[in-house]
């Protein structure tokens, strides 16, 4: 294997390599030329798993000295990552550069993944905010006195910028690694006085190069993050759209956008949009996970949704009955809801009310459908009708169902604007009273009675509440 690490070796000499213990026998005999050619077509996210296939592959791909290995990783990085064209910082190999930039996601110190760590290119470190704060000195206030004697060490060290708000003003200060201050001070003290000037000059050039390189890489990271955000947003959008476009065998939508957006798997993916990492598949099985969450949510909330939609339908019907309004803006008189409509007393038998749509875009369309179903049921005489609420018999049934003694009736024989309303028993007594009409009981007829329609309409909410309870209880 030494020849693989030799930058001047020929790749054909690899054919004579002997298998290592633990290597895959069917793969170890692969010519290195072919192996290199294969690797040149793989993104880095596939090269890392390939290193784990066998010890031989790991050795070939993990070498930090072979120019062939470095070329493989460089090709993968520049070919498949649009915003990773910059070469590694001086002194850093390709694998370490890729790991620092795109692979490793935890803080290098505490290994915590509770927050997204930032890369501080001037220090070549990836740190979470707490670890960063504990390892820096802020200039000029927090630079210790020992770091200024015999020279100000900060003059020869690279720095990062730290922004803070003070009195509504954004203040930017230079920060230095404490370990760099200590290490550089020890180095400074070991330099002979006659060589100190040259040492300072060289250190300043190195520091300035790192500062400029850090600024360039920081700007590149911002561009890459913007690109990643767009890429992830597109993946998420397409996943949601594919769910929204899913239909059943009748062409009806199964999944709705506003419900998808409240699912835990969608929220988790949406929250991770700004993470500075991009896998080949950033959210594995996202489609299935959102679908499963949606189905579970639908199962748990179906009864609640149906009840909410039934109440929405009832509110609209009551509004149409009590306000004399017609459905939407249709001029057709048949589109109104009046007290003689079967939709009022046959509502509980209408399929579209028993199982309303999960999503109601236009409640008037649903009311029309329910009204047509009620009329169809009435024509087919599938149920015994309680009676239209525009009739005496229907109102008596309404009072019985509601367990009420409301005064819904008026006397036709009386005249004037001061006519009173009675319940049915009081109405009969009124007609038989000597001081009013003095009729015999046998002469009392419903044709002498008319309805107080406004009072009948006021009973509609109570009636619909009873209907709703009758539907909900059997379902439970």
Protein backbone atom coordinates (compact mmCIF):
# COMPACT_ATOMS: atom_id res chain seq x y z
CA UNK A 1 0.00 0.00 0.00
CA UNK A 2 2.96 2.33 0.23
CA UNK A 3 2.85 2.89 -3.53
CA UNK A 4 -0.67 4.36 -3.26
CA UNK A 5 0.64 6.94 -0.89
CA UNK A 6 3.56 7.74 -3.16
CA UNK A 7 2.56 10.70 -5.34
CA UNK A 8 4.96 9.51 -8.07
CA UNK A 9 3.72 5.93 -8.22
CA UNK A 10 1.82 4.51 -11.17
CA UNK A 11 -1.76 3.42 -10.59
CA UNK A 12 -1.10 0.22 -12.54
CA UNK A 13 1.22 -0.96 -9.79
CA UNK A 14 -1.80 -1.28 -7.53
CA UNK A 15 -2.78 -4.51 -9.24
CA UNK A 16 -0.12 -6.39 -7.29
CA UNK A 17 -1.45 -5.33 -3.89
CA UNK A 18 -2.35 -8.18 -1.57
CA UNK A 19 -5.72 -8.21 0.19
CA UNK A 20 -5.76 -6.94 3.75
CA UNK A 21 -7.29 -8.97 6.53
CA UNK A 22 -10.98 -8.13 6.75
CA UNK A 23 -11.24 -6.89 3.16
CA UNK A 24 -14.06 -7.94 0.86
CA UNK A 25 -12.59 -10.73 -1.33
CA UNK A 26 -14.85 -9.94 -4.29
CA UNK A 27 -13.85 -6.26 -4.33
CA UNK A 28 -10.19 -6.28 -3.38
CA UNK A 29 -9.11 -7.44 -6.84
CA UNK A 30 -10.70 -4.41 -8.49
CA UNK A 31 -8.02 -2.50 -10.45
CA UNK A 32 -7.25 0.83 -8.88
CA UNK A 33 -7.77 2.59 -12.22
CA UNK A 34 -11.38 1.41 -12.23
CA UNK A 35 -11.79 2.25 -8.55
CA UNK A 36 -10.57 5.81 -9.15
CA UNK A 37 -12.84 6.18 -12.19
CA UNK A 38 -15.86 5.03 -10.17
CA UNK A 39 -15.06 7.39 -7.30
CA UNK A 40 -14.80 10.36 -9.66
CA UNK A 41 -18.52 9.98 -10.36
CA UNK A 42 -19.63 9.79 -6.73
CA UNK A 43 -20.61 12.71 -4.46
CA UNK A 44 -18.87 12.93 -1.11
CA UNK A 45 -21.98 11.63 0.69
CA UNK A 46 -21.40 8.32 -1.13
CA UNK A 47 -17.62 8.26 -0.70
CA UNK A 48 -17.85 8.19 3.10
CA UNK A 49 -20.01 5.02 3.17
CA UNK A 50 -17.70 3.50 0.55
CA UNK A 51 -14.81 3.83 3.00
CA UNK A 52 -16.66 1.45 5.31
CA UNK A 53 -17.06 -1.31 2.74
CA UNK A 54 -13.67 -2.86 3.52
CA UNK A 55 -10.28 -2.00 4.98
CA UNK A 56 -8.78 -1.70 1.50
CA UNK A 57 -11.29 0.95 0.38
CA UNK A 58 -10.90 2.76 3.67
CA UNK A 59 -7.13 2.89 3.24
CA UNK A 60 -7.36 4.12 -0.34
CA UNK A 61 -9.90 6.84 0.43
CA UNK A 62 -8.57 7.95 3.80
CA UNK A 63 -4.99 8.69 2.84
CA UNK A 64 -3.99 12.27 3.63
CA UNK A 65 -0.71 12.13 1.67
CA UNK A 66 -1.65 10.49 -1.63
CA UNK A 67 -2.33 12.97 -4.43
CA UNK A 68 -4.71 10.37 -5.97
CA UNK A 69 -6.84 10.28 -2.81
CA UNK A 70 -6.87 14.07 -2.58
CA UNK A 71 -7.82 14.29 -6.26
CA UNK A 72 -10.78 11.93 -5.76
CA UNK A 73 -12.19 14.04 -2.93
CA UNK A 74 -11.45 17.31 -4.73
CA UNK A 75 -13.27 16.10 -7.85
CA UNK A 76 -16.26 14.98 -5.79
CA UNK A 77 -16.40 18.29 -3.94
CA UNK A 78 -16.14 20.58 -6.97
CA UNK A 79 -18.27 18.45 -9.28
CA UNK A 80 -21.27 17.94 -7.03
CA UNK A 81 -21.18 21.03 -4.80
CA UNK A 82 -21.75 24.32 -6.61
CA UNK A 83 -20.60 26.47 -3.70
CA UNK A 84 -17.61 24.38 -2.62
CA UNK A 85 -15.15 25.46 -5.31
CA UNK A 86 -12.69 27.09 -2.90
CA UNK A 87 -9.64 24.98 -2.10
CA UNK A 88 -9.08 23.87 1.50
CA UNK A 89 -7.33 26.36 3.79
CA UNK A 90 -3.57 26.08 3.89
CA UNK A 91 -2.48 23.04 5.88
CA UNK A 92 -5.88 21.28 5.69
CA UNK A 93 -6.42 18.16 3.55
CA UNK A 94 -9.52 17.55 1.41
CA UNK A 95 -11.21 15.06 3.74
CA UNK A 96 -10.83 17.30 6.79
CA UNK A 97 -12.11 20.25 4.75
CA UNK A 98 -15.22 18.38 3.59
CA UNK A 99 -15.92 17.08 7.09
CA UNK A 100 -15.59 20.53 8.62
CA UNK A 101 -17.67 22.22 5.92
CA UNK A 102 -20.44 19.78 5.13
CA UNK A 103 -20.42 16.51 7.05
CA UNK A 104 -19.84 16.80 10.79
CA UNK A 105 -22.73 18.57 12.45
CA UNK A 106 -21.80 18.77 16.12
CA UNK A 107 -19.64 21.15 18.08
CA UNK A 108 -16.03 19.94 17.99
CA UNK A 109 -15.63 20.59 21.72
CA UNK A 110 -18.81 19.51 23.53
CA UNK A 111 -20.23 17.32 20.72
CA UNK A 112 -23.65 18.83 21.38
CA UNK A 113 -26.23 18.89 18.61
CA UNK A 114 -28.70 21.11 20.48
CA UNK A 115 -27.85 24.01 18.19
CA UNK A 116 -26.24 24.45 14.79
CA UNK A 117 -22.54 25.24 15.36
CA UNK A 118 -20.82 27.95 13.31
CA UNK A 119 -17.55 27.50 11.46
CA UNK A 120 -14.93 30.06 12.47
CA UNK A 121 -12.57 29.86 9.52
CA UNK A 122 -9.90 32.09 11.07
CA UNK A 123 -9.55 29.47 13.83
CA UNK A 124 -10.37 26.41 11.66
CA UNK A 125 -12.94 25.37 14.26
CA UNK A 126 -16.64 24.53 14.35
CA UNK A 127 -18.08 25.61 17.71
CA UNK A 128 -21.44 26.12 19.35
CA UNK A 129 -22.03 29.52 20.87
CA UNK A 130 -21.33 28.55 24.54
CA UNK A 131 -18.03 26.83 23.67
CA UNK A 132 -17.03 29.75 21.47
CA UNK A 133 -17.69 32.24 24.27
CA UNK A 134 -15.64 30.24 26.76
CA UNK A 135 -12.60 30.05 24.49
CA UNK A 136 -12.18 33.61 23.29
CA UNK A 137 -10.86 36.94 24.53
CA UNK A 138 -12.52 40.09 23.27
CA UNK A 139 -10.28 42.97 22.24
CA UNK A 140 -9.40 45.36 23.61
CA UNK A 141 -11.15 45.11 27.00
CA UNK A 142 -10.66 41.42 27.84
CA UNK A 143 -7.14 40.87 26.51
CA UNK A 144 -5.04 39.84 29.56
CA UNK A 145 -1.95 41.85 30.46
CA UNK A 146 0.34 38.85 29.93
CA UNK A 147 -0.66 38.82 26.24
CA UNK A 148 0.80 42.34 25.78
CA UNK A 149 4.31 41.74 27.07
CA UNK A 150 6.87 41.79 25.50
CA UNK A 151 4.63 42.59 22.49
CA UNK A 152 0.90 42.79 21.87
CA UNK A 153 0.25 39.25 20.71
CA UNK A 154 -3.04 40.24 19.05
CA UNK A 155 -1.03 42.03 16.35
CA UNK A 156 0.23 38.72 14.95
CA UNK A 157 -2.88 36.55 15.35
CA UNK A 158 -5.95 35.99 13.15
CA UNK A 159 -9.26 37.08 14.63
CA UNK A 160 -12.98 36.64 14.16
CA UNK A 161 -15.62 39.34 14.48
CA UNK A 162 -18.24 39.38 17.24
CA UNK A 163 -21.27 41.64 16.87
CA UNK A 164 -23.28 42.96 19.80
CA UNK A 165 -25.98 45.58 20.24
CA UNK A 166 -25.18 48.43 22.61
CA UNK A 167 -27.63 51.32 22.93
CA UNK A 168 -29.30 50.23 19.67
CA UNK A 169 -25.92 50.40 17.91
CA UNK A 170 -24.30 47.32 16.37
CA UNK A 171 -20.77 47.10 17.78
CA UNK A 172 -18.27 44.77 16.07
CA UNK A 173 -15.21 43.68 18.07
CA UNK A 174 -12.26 41.43 17.31
CA UNK A 175 -12.03 38.18 19.24
CA UNK A 176 -9.03 35.87 19.67
CA UNK A 177 -8.70 32.27 20.81
CA UNK A 178 -7.24 32.07 24.31
CA UNK A 179 -5.23 29.00 23.30
CA UNK A 180 -3.73 30.95 20.36
CA UNK A 181 -2.72 33.76 22.70
CA UNK A 182 -0.98 31.36 25.07
CA UNK A 183 0.72 29.34 22.34
CA UNK A 184 1.92 32.40 20.44
CA UNK A 185 3.21 34.05 23.62
CA UNK A 186 5.33 30.98 24.41
CA UNK A 187 6.63 31.00 20.85
CA UNK A 188 7.39 34.72 21.08
CA UNK A 189 9.37 34.27 24.30
CA UNK A 190 11.49 31.58 22.65
CA UNK A 191 12.51 33.83 19.74
CA UNK A 192 15.90 35.55 20.07
CA UNK A 193 15.58 39.35 20.27
CA UNK A 194 17.49 39.87 17.01
CA UNK A 195 14.98 37.61 15.14
CA UNK A 196 11.85 39.01 16.74
CA UNK A 197 11.22 41.56 13.99
CA UNK A 198 11.27 38.95 11.21
CA UNK A 199 9.09 36.64 13.32
CA UNK A 200 6.49 39.38 13.84
CA UNK A 201 6.50 40.22 10.11
CA UNK A 202 5.95 36.58 9.08
CA UNK A 203 3.25 36.08 11.69
CA UNK A 204 1.41 39.18 10.54
CA UNK A 205 1.45 37.98 6.93
CA UNK A 206 0.08 34.58 7.99
CA UNK A 207 -2.58 36.18 10.21
CA UNK A 208 -3.65 38.63 7.51
CA UNK A 209 -3.93 35.76 5.03
CA UNK A 210 -6.16 33.81 7.41
CA UNK A 211 -8.34 36.87 8.08
CA UNK A 212 -8.84 37.52 4.37
CA UNK A 213 -9.43 33.82 3.71
CA UNK A 214 -11.95 33.72 6.56
CA UNK A 215 -13.91 36.65 5.13
CA UNK A 216 -13.97 35.02 1.70
CA UNK A 217 -15.12 31.67 3.08
CA UNK A 218 -17.71 33.32 5.30
CA UNK A 219 -19.26 35.03 2.27
CA UNK A 220 -19.15 31.75 0.35
CA UNK A 221 -20.90 30.00 3.25
CA UNK A 222 -23.70 32.60 3.12
CA UNK A 223 -24.18 32.01 -0.61
CA UNK A 224 -24.16 28.26 -0.08
CA UNK A 225 -26.71 28.53 2.72
CA UNK A 226 -29.00 30.60 0.46
CA UNK A 227 -28.65 27.98 -2.27
CA UNK A 228 -29.30 25.14 0.18
CA UNK A 229 -32.39 26.94 1.45
CA UNK A 230 -33.81 27.18 -2.08
CA UNK A 231 -32.97 23.55 -2.80
CA UNK A 232 -34.59 22.31 0.39
CA UNK A 233 -37.63 24.53 -0.12
CA UNK A 234 -38.08 23.03 -3.56
CA UNK A 235 -37.81 19.48 -2.21
CA UNK A 236 -40.35 20.30 0.50
CA UNK A 237 -42.69 22.05 -1.96
CA UNK A 238 -42.65 19.11 -4.38
CA UNK A 239 -43.34 16.66 -1.55
CA UNK A 240 -46.34 18.66 -0.35
CA UNK A 241 -47.61 19.14 -3.91
CA UNK A 242 -47.39 15.42 -4.64
CA UNK A 243 -49.57 14.79 -1.58
CA UNK A 244 -52.05 17.50 -2.57
CA UNK A 245 -52.31 16.02 -6.08
CA UNK A 246 -53.15 12.56 -4.72
CA UNK A 247 -56.77 11.57 -5.42
CA UNK A 248 -58.98 8.58 -4.71
CA UNK A 249 -60.66 6.38 -7.33
CA UNK A 250 -63.40 8.99 -7.78
CA UNK A 251 -60.96 11.82 -8.41
CA UNK A 252 -61.50 13.46 -5.01
CA UNK A 253 -58.57 14.97 -3.14
CA UNK A 254 -57.32 13.01 -0.15
CA UNK A 255 -54.79 15.42 1.34
CA UNK A 256 -55.26 19.16 1.79
CA UNK A 257 -52.50 21.74 1.96
CA UNK A 258 -53.54 23.54 5.15
CA UNK A 259 -53.78 20.25 7.04
CA UNK A 260 -50.42 19.03 5.71
CA UNK A 261 -48.75 22.16 7.09
CA UNK A 262 -49.70 21.30 10.69
CA UNK A 263 -48.26 17.76 10.65
CA UNK A 264 -45.22 17.16 12.94
CA UNK A 265 -43.04 15.70 10.17
CA UNK A 266 -43.66 18.72 7.95
CA UNK A 267 -42.96 21.16 10.78
CA UNK A 268 -39.71 19.36 11.63
CA UNK A 269 -38.55 19.49 8.01
CA UNK A 270 -39.56 23.14 7.70
CA UNK A 271 -37.69 24.03 10.91
CA UNK A 272 -34.50 22.43 9.56
CA UNK A 273 -34.50 24.40 6.29
CA UNK A 274 -31.71 26.71 7.41
CA UNK A 275 -29.40 23.97 8.65
CA UNK A 276 -26.13 24.35 6.69
CA UNK A 277 -26.11 20.70 5.64
CA UNK A 278 -27.47 19.01 2.57
CA UNK A 279 -27.72 15.26 2.12
CA UNK A 280 -28.72 13.55 -1.10
CA UNK A 281 -32.09 13.14 0.58
CA UNK A 282 -32.34 15.79 3.33
CA UNK A 283 -35.47 14.23 4.83
CA UNK A 284 -35.54 10.46 4.19
CA UNK A 285 -39.03 9.10 3.50
CA UNK A 286 -40.55 12.56 4.03
CA UNK A 287 -43.50 11.76 1.77
CA UNK A 288 -44.39 8.62 3.71
CA UNK A 289 -43.83 10.30 7.07
CA UNK A 290 -46.13 13.23 6.28
CA UNK A 291 -48.68 10.82 4.80
CA UNK A 292 -48.64 8.64 7.92
CA UNK A 293 -48.90 11.68 10.20
CA UNK A 294 -51.81 12.97 8.12
CA UNK A 295 -53.64 9.62 8.23
CA UNK A 296 -53.16 9.38 12.01
CA UNK A 297 -54.32 12.95 12.45
CA UNK A 298 -57.31 12.31 10.22
CA UNK A 299 -58.25 9.20 12.18
CA UNK A 300 -58.03 11.04 15.51
CA UNK A 301 -59.76 14.19 14.33
CA UNK A 302 -62.32 12.93 11.82
CA UNK A 303 -65.26 13.07 14.24
CA UNK A 304 -64.22 16.51 15.44
CA UNK A 305 -63.92 17.79 11.86
CA UNK A 306 -67.28 16.32 10.89
CA UNK A 307 -68.98 17.87 13.91
CA UNK A 308 -67.41 21.25 13.17
CA UNK A 309 -68.58 21.04 9.56
CA UNK A 310 -72.09 19.98 10.62
CA UNK A 311 -72.30 23.01 12.89
CA UNK A 312 -71.07 25.18 10.04
CA UNK A 313 -73.84 23.81 7.81
CA UNK A 314 -76.45 24.32 10.54
CA UNK A 315 -75.36 27.91 11.15
CA UNK A 316 -75.70 28.64 7.45
CA UNK A 317 -79.16 27.05 7.23
CA UNK A 318 -80.34 29.01 10.28
CA UNK A 319 -78.97 32.19 8.73
CA UNK A 320 -80.83 31.51 5.48
CA UNK A 321 -84.07 30.70 7.30
CA UNK A 322 -84.07 33.59 9.75
CA UNK A 323 -82.72 36.34 7.49
CA UNK A 324 -84.75 35.56 4.38
CA UNK A 325 -81.50 35.32 2.45
CA UNK A 326 -81.04 33.01 -0.48
CA UNK A 327 -78.15 30.71 -1.20
CA UNK A 328 -75.22 32.81 -2.42
CA UNK A 329 -76.32 35.31 -5.07
CA UNK A 330 -78.49 32.99 -7.16
CA UNK A 331 -81.68 34.65 -8.37
CA UNK A 332 -83.56 31.35 -8.61
CA UNK A 333 -86.35 31.35 -6.01
CA UNK A 334 -85.88 27.60 -5.57
CA UNK A 335 -82.53 28.31 -3.96
CA UNK A 336 -84.02 29.74 -0.78
CA UNK A 337 -84.52 27.94 2.53
CA UNK A 338 -88.05 28.34 3.90
CA UNK A 339 -89.93 26.74 6.79
CA UNK A 340 -91.69 24.27 4.48
CA UNK A 341 -88.37 22.94 3.14
CA UNK A 342 -87.77 19.24 3.95
CA UNK A 343 -84.11 20.09 4.55
CA UNK A 344 -85.18 21.38 7.98
CA UNK A 345 -87.07 18.36 9.31
CA UNK A 346 -85.30 15.69 7.22
CA UNK A 347 -81.76 16.96 7.80
CA UNK A 348 -80.65 13.99 9.91
CA UNK A 349 -81.27 11.57 7.01
CA UNK A 350 -79.20 13.43 4.41
CA UNK A 351 -75.89 11.66 3.56
CA UNK A 352 -74.01 14.94 3.07
CA UNK A 353 -74.96 15.99 6.60
CA UNK A 354 -74.30 12.60 8.18
CA UNK A 355 -70.85 12.53 6.58
CA UNK A 356 -69.98 16.08 5.52
CA UNK A 357 -66.91 16.91 3.40
CA UNK A 358 -63.66 17.17 5.36
CA UNK A 359 -62.91 20.53 3.78
CA UNK A 360 -65.76 22.90 2.96
CA UNK A 361 -64.72 25.63 0.57
CA UNK A 362 -68.26 26.91 -0.04
CA UNK A 363 -70.85 26.01 2.56
CA UNK A 364 -73.66 27.12 0.23
CA UNK A 365 -72.75 24.34 -2.20
CA UNK A 366 -73.04 21.80 0.61
CA UNK A 367 -76.40 23.23 1.73
CA UNK A 368 -77.73 22.92 -1.83
CA UNK A 369 -76.59 19.31 -1.96
CA UNK A 370 -78.25 18.54 1.38
CA UNK A 371 -81.45 20.27 0.30
CA UNK A 372 -81.59 18.17 -2.89
CA UNK A 373 -80.99 14.99 -0.87
CA UNK A 374 -83.81 15.92 1.52
CA UNK A 375 -86.21 16.46 -1.37
CA UNK A 376 -85.17 13.14 -2.90
CA UNK A 377 -85.80 11.35 0.40
CA UNK A 378 -89.19 13.01 0.64
CA UNK A 379 -90.15 11.95 -2.90
CA UNK A 380 -89.12 8.35 -2.23
CA UNK A 381 -90.85 8.35 1.18
CA UNK A 382 -87.88 6.65 2.76
CA UNK A 383 -88.70 8.07 6.19
CA UNK A 384 -91.83 9.30 7.88
CA UNK A 385 -91.64 13.05 7.85
CA UNK A 386 -92.30 14.90 11.09
CA UNK A 387 -94.17 17.50 9.06
CA UNK A 388 -93.16 20.79 7.53
CA UNK A 389 -92.58 23.45 10.16
CA UNK A 390 -94.86 25.70 8.13
CA UNK A 391 -97.88 23.59 9.24
CA UNK A 392 -99.71 23.24 12.54
CA UNK A 393 -98.91 19.52 12.70
CA UNK A 394 -95.23 20.17 11.99
CA UNK A 395 -94.98 22.80 14.74
CA UNK A 396 -96.71 20.53 17.26
CA UNK A 397 -94.13 17.85 16.38
CA UNK A 398 -91.37 20.47 16.68
CA UNK A 399 -92.55 21.43 20.18
CA UNK A 400 -92.74 17.77 21.20
CA UNK A 401 -89.23 17.07 19.94
CA UNK A 402 -87.84 20.15 21.66
CA UNK A 403 -89.84 19.52 24.85
CA UNK A 404 -91.09 23.09 24.68
CA UNK A 405 -94.38 24.88 25.33
CA UNK A 406 -93.57 27.88 23.21
CA UNK A 407 -96.35 30.15 21.99
CA UNK A 408 -96.18 29.58 18.25
CA UNK A 409 -99.85 30.01 17.31
CA UNK A 410 -102.14 32.95 16.59
CA UNK A 411 -105.86 33.19 16.12
CA UNK A 412 -107.07 33.95 12.60
CA UNK A 413 -110.44 35.09 13.90
CA UNK A 414 -108.87 37.93 15.83
CA UNK A 415 -107.90 41.05 14.02
CA UNK A 416 -105.72 44.04 14.69
CA UNK A 417 -102.04 44.49 15.42
CA UNK A 418 -102.30 43.47 19.05
CA UNK A 419 -102.94 39.78 18.48
CA UNK A 420 -101.33 37.50 21.01
CA UNK A 421 -99.44 34.26 20.50
CA UNK A 422 -100.46 31.07 22.34
CA UNK A 423 -99.32 27.52 22.76
CA UNK A 424 -101.66 24.94 21.25
CA UNK A 425 -103.64 24.31 24.47
CA UNK A 426 -104.03 28.04 25.11
CA UNK A 427 -105.12 28.50 21.50
CA UNK A 428 -107.97 26.01 21.95
CA UNK A 429 -109.10 27.71 25.17
CA UNK A 430 -108.99 31.08 23.44
CA UNK A 431 -111.32 29.90 20.69
CA UNK A 432 -113.75 28.40 23.24
CA UNK A 433 -113.70 31.37 25.61
CA UNK A 434 -117.08 33.14 25.95
CA UNK A 435 -115.48 36.57 25.98
CA UNK A 436 -113.79 35.99 22.63
CA UNK A 437 -115.22 33.52 20.09
CA UNK A 438 -117.36 31.19 22.26
CA UNK A 439 -116.94 28.14 20.00
CA UNK A 440 -117.78 24.58 20.92
CA UNK A 441 -114.85 22.19 21.16
CA UNK A 442 -116.18 20.26 18.18
CA UNK A 443 -116.15 23.44 16.11
CA UNK A 444 -112.50 24.25 16.81
CA UNK A 445 -110.43 23.59 13.71
CA UNK A 446 -106.79 24.10 12.71
CA UNK A 447 -107.97 26.32 9.88
CA UNK A 448 -108.70 28.96 12.55
CA UNK A 449 -105.08 28.92 13.66
CA UNK A 450 -102.04 30.45 12.00
CA UNK A 451 -98.37 30.24 12.88
CA UNK A 452 -96.17 32.91 14.38
CA UNK A 453 -93.32 32.27 11.92
CA UNK A 454 -90.82 34.47 13.72
CA UNK A 455 -91.21 32.43 16.89
CA UNK A 456 -90.97 29.19 14.94
CA UNK A 457 -87.65 30.35 13.46
CA UNK A 458 -86.33 31.08 16.94
CA UNK A 459 -86.78 27.38 17.77
CA UNK A 460 -84.59 26.28 14.86
CA UNK A 461 -81.27 26.34 16.81
CA UNK A 462 -82.82 24.14 19.51
CA UNK A 463 -84.14 21.73 16.89
CA UNK A 464 -80.84 21.46 15.06
CA UNK A 465 -79.04 20.84 18.35
CA UNK A 466 -81.29 17.83 18.95
CA UNK A 467 -80.69 16.57 15.39
CA UNK A 468 -76.92 16.95 15.85
CA UNK A 469 -76.97 14.94 19.09
CA UNK A 470 -79.01 12.18 17.44
CA UNK A 471 -76.36 11.83 14.72
CA UNK A 472 -73.32 12.03 17.00
CA UNK A 473 -74.45 9.43 19.57
CA UNK A 474 -74.80 6.48 17.14
CA UNK A 475 -71.38 7.30 15.62
CA UNK A 476 -69.72 7.21 19.02
